[in-house]
C-alpha atoms as a PDB file:
ATOM      1  CA  MET A   1      26.941   3.042  -2.287  1.00  0.00           C
ATOM      2  CA  ALA A   2      25.238   5.636  -4.449  1.00  0.00           C
ATOM      3  CA  ASP A   3      24.035   8.903  -2.964  1.00  0.00           C
ATOM      4  CA  VAL A   4      21.256   9.470  -5.493  1.00  0.00           C
ATOM      5  CA  ALA A   5      19.861   7.399  -8.355  1.00  0.00           C
ATOM      6  CA  VAL A   6      18.698   8.974 -11.614  1.00  0.00           C
ATOM      7  CA  ALA A   7      16.107   7.586 -14.044  1.00  0.00           C
ATOM      8  CA  PRO A   8      15.951  10.182 -16.853  1.00  0.00           C
ATOM      9  CA  SER A   9      13.636   8.150 -19.112  1.00  0.00           C
ATOM     10  CA  VAL A  10      12.146   9.771 -22.186  1.00  0.00           C
ATOM     11  CA  TRP A  11       9.927   6.786 -23.051  1.00  0.00           C
ATOM     12  CA  ARG A  12       6.996   5.377 -21.095  1.00  0.00           C
ATOM     13  CA  GLU A  13       8.190   2.573 -18.861  1.00  0.00           C
ATOM     14  CA  PRO A  14       5.159   1.068 -17.126  1.00  0.00           C
ATOM     15  CA  PHE A  15       6.913  -0.020 -13.919  1.00  0.00           C
ATOM     16  CA  SER A  16      10.573   0.932 -13.706  1.00  0.00           C
ATOM     17  CA  ARG A  17      12.802  -1.246 -11.549  1.00  0.00           C
ATOM     18  CA  SER A  18      15.465   1.459 -11.881  1.00  0.00           C
ATOM     19  CA  VAL A  19      13.194   3.606  -9.691  1.00  0.00           C
ATOM     20  CA  ILE A  20      11.977   0.945  -7.258  1.00  0.00           C
ATOM     21  CA  GLU A  21      15.249  -0.794  -6.407  1.00  0.00           C
ATOM     22  CA  PRO A  22      17.223   2.269  -5.197  1.00  0.00           C
ATOM     23  CA  LEU A  23      14.241   3.397  -3.101  1.00  0.00           C
ATOM     24  CA  ALA A  24      14.100  -0.061  -1.510  1.00  0.00           C
ATOM     25  CA  CYS A  25      17.782   0.386  -0.614  1.00  0.00           C
ATOM     26  CA  GLY A  26      17.140   3.798   0.953  1.00  0.00           C
ATOM     27  CA  ILE A  27      18.499   5.839  -1.956  1.00  0.00           C
ATOM     28  CA  PRO A  28      16.412   8.760  -3.271  1.00  0.00           C
ATOM     29  CA  VAL A  29      15.644   8.653  -6.997  1.00  0.00           C
ATOM     30  CA  VAL A  30      15.197  11.586  -9.335  1.00  0.00           C
ATOM     31  CA  ALA A  31      13.057  10.401 -12.250  1.00  0.00           C
ATOM     32  CA  THR A  32      11.163  11.857 -15.163  1.00  0.00           C
ATOM     33  CA  ARG A  33       7.421  12.399 -14.944  1.00  0.00           C
ATOM     34  CA  ILE A  34       6.549   9.801 -17.586  1.00  0.00           C
ATOM     35  CA  GLY A  35       5.205   6.266 -17.763  1.00  0.00           C
ATOM     36  CA  GLY A  36       4.785   4.579 -14.387  1.00  0.00           C
ATOM     37  CA  ASN A  37       7.222   6.839 -12.535  1.00  0.00           C
ATOM     38  CA  PRO A  38       4.518   9.211 -11.189  1.00  0.00           C
ATOM     39  CA  GLU A  39       2.647   6.195  -9.800  1.00  0.00           C
ATOM     40  CA  ILE A  40       5.776   5.039  -7.985  1.00  0.00           C
ATOM     41  CA  LEU A  41       6.946   8.487  -6.852  1.00  0.00           C
ATOM     42  CA  ASN A  42       3.640   9.752  -5.513  1.00  0.00           C
ATOM     43  CA  GLY A  43       2.737  11.661  -2.367  1.00  0.00           C
ATOM     44  CA  TRP A  44       5.759  13.401  -0.875  1.00  0.00           C
ATOM     45  CA  LEU A  45       8.033  11.517  -3.334  1.00  0.00           C
ATOM     46  CA  ASP A  46       6.430  13.563  -6.143  1.00  0.00           C
ATOM     47  CA  GLY A  47       9.061  16.220  -5.453  1.00  0.00           C
ATOM     48  CA  LEU A  48      11.658  13.884  -6.979  1.00  0.00           C
ATOM     49  CA  LEU A  49       9.997  13.985 -10.420  1.00  0.00           C
ATOM     50  CA  VAL A  50      11.152  16.208 -13.286  1.00  0.00           C
ATOM     51  CA  GLU A  51       9.769  16.806 -16.763  1.00  0.00           C
ATOM     52  CA  PRO A  52      11.269  14.582 -19.501  1.00  0.00           C
ATOM     53  CA  GLY A  53      14.002  16.379 -21.450  1.00  0.00           C
ATOM     54  CA  ASP A  54      14.333  19.241 -18.959  1.00  0.00           C
ATOM     55  CA  HIS A  55      18.015  18.914 -18.119  1.00  0.00           C
ATOM     56  CA  HIS A  56      18.015  22.155 -16.112  1.00  0.00           C
ATOM     57  CA  GLU A  57      15.292  20.880 -13.780  1.00  0.00           C
ATOM     58  CA  LEU A  58      17.098  17.528 -13.511  1.00  0.00           C
ATOM     59  CA  ALA A  59      20.368  19.266 -12.573  1.00  0.00           C
ATOM     60  CA  ASP A  60      18.596  21.486 -10.020  1.00  0.00           C
ATOM     61  CA  ARG A  61      16.914  18.502  -8.381  1.00  0.00           C
ATOM     62  CA  LEU A  62      20.202  16.591  -8.207  1.00  0.00           C
ATOM     63  CA  LEU A  63      22.025  19.580  -6.716  1.00  0.00           C
ATOM     64  CA  GLY A  64      19.266  19.868  -4.127  1.00  0.00           C
ATOM     65  CA  LEU A  65      19.913  16.274  -3.068  1.00  0.00           C
ATOM     66  CA  ALA A  66      23.717  16.485  -3.113  1.00  0.00           C
ATOM     67  CA  ASP A  67      24.001  16.704   0.680  1.00  0.00           C
ATOM     68  CA  TRP A  68      20.820  14.895   1.687  1.00  0.00           C
ATOM     69  CA  ARG A  69      22.675  12.594   4.110  1.00  0.00           C
ATOM     70  CA  SER A  70      23.595  15.583   6.299  1.00  0.00           C
ATOM     71  CA  ASP A  71      20.699  17.924   5.399  1.00  0.00           C
ATOM     72  CA  ASP A  72      17.935  15.306   5.827  1.00  0.00           C
ATOM     73  CA  PRO A  73      19.379  12.142   7.402  1.00  0.00           C
ATOM     74  CA  THR A  74      15.971  10.428   7.564  1.00  0.00           C
ATOM     75  CA  LEU A  75      15.360  10.698   3.805  1.00  0.00           C
ATOM     76  CA  GLY A  76      16.813   7.271   3.010  1.00  0.00           C
ATOM     77  CA  ASP A  77      14.663   5.538   5.620  1.00  0.00           C
ATOM     78  CA  ARG A  78      11.570   7.408   4.445  1.00  0.00           C
ATOM     79  CA  CYS A  79      12.246   6.410   0.821  1.00  0.00           C
ATOM     80  CA  ARG A  80      12.541   2.770   1.839  1.00  0.00           C
ATOM     81  CA  GLN A  81       9.416   2.850   4.010  1.00  0.00           C
ATOM     82  CA  ALA A  82       7.404   4.544   1.245  1.00  0.00           C
ATOM     83  CA  ILE A  83       8.251   1.969  -1.427  1.00  0.00           C
ATOM     84  CA  VAL A  84       7.818  -0.983   0.942  1.00  0.00           C
ATOM     85  CA  ARG A  85       4.328   0.294   1.839  1.00  0.00           C
ATOM     86  CA  ARG A  86       3.543   0.893  -1.834  1.00  0.00           C
ATOM     87  CA  LEU A  87       4.663  -2.564  -2.951  1.00  0.00           C
ATOM     88  CA  ASP A  88       2.929  -4.182   0.005  1.00  0.00           C
ATOM     89  CA  SER A  89      -0.364  -2.552  -0.952  1.00  0.00           C
ATOM     90  CA  ILE A  90       0.054  -3.736  -4.558  1.00  0.00           C
ATOM     91  CA  THR A  91       0.796  -7.336  -3.617  1.00  0.00           C
ATOM     92  CA  ARG A  92      -1.888  -7.440  -0.934  1.00  0.00           C
ATOM     93  CA  TRP A  93      -4.615  -6.558  -3.431  1.00  0.00           C
ATOM     94  CA  THR A  94      -3.286  -8.502  -6.405  1.00  0.00           C
ATOM     95  CA  PRO A  95      -5.310 -11.689  -6.859  1.00  0.00           C
ATOM     96  CA  TRP A  96      -3.237 -14.707  -5.909  1.00  0.00           C
ATOM     97  CA  ARG A  97      -3.672 -16.194  -9.381  1.00  0.00           C
ATOM     98  CA  LEU A  98      -1.679 -13.304 -10.839  1.00  0.00           C
ATOM     99  CA  ARG A  99       1.179 -13.839  -8.394  1.00  0.00           C
ATOM    100  CA  TRP A 100       1.722 -17.567  -8.969  1.00  0.00           C
ATOM    101  CA  PRO A 101       2.789 -19.341 -12.145  1.00  0.00           C
ATOM    102  CA  ARG A 102       0.153 -21.243 -14.060  1.00  0.00           C
ATOM    103  CA  TRP A 103       0.709 -24.951 -13.699  1.00  0.00           C
ATOM    104  CA  PRO A 104      -0.436 -27.296 -16.459  1.00  0.00           C
ATOM    105  CA  ALA A 105      -2.875 -29.123 -14.162  1.00  0.00           C
ATOM    106  CA  GLY A 106      -3.983 -25.906 -12.435  1.00  0.00           C
ATOM    107  CA  ARG A 107      -1.924 -26.653  -9.330  1.00  0.00           C
ATOM    108  CA  PRO A 108       1.774 -27.061  -8.474  1.00  0.00           C
ATOM    109  CA  PRO A 109       3.269 -30.530  -8.933  1.00  0.00           C
ATOM    110  CA  SER A 110       3.357 -32.754  -5.850  1.00  0.00           C
ATOM    111  CA  SER A 111       6.714 -33.228  -4.213  1.00  0.00           C
END
């Protein structure tokens, strides 16, 4: 299992699974402040963002998380809870038509 995930993107990814999936597994993610990453890592998770191309800031943030399991043993659970709440709020307010495939007749085939 990874201790920390890193998403050092330099291009604008609208909704990065490389940020969401580790969080859902209780792994903190250090990501660049670009694209959709600030929307995912908001609130207290904002402290995990670094400026794109700033390798010194990235290294500092990673060093700060090196011993998170002993320094802050609840961090993994808090990461997971934060992303679950975030994704739940997105899916709760997304119209159902956007969540289901479009069927040719406007409804799923009968079984």
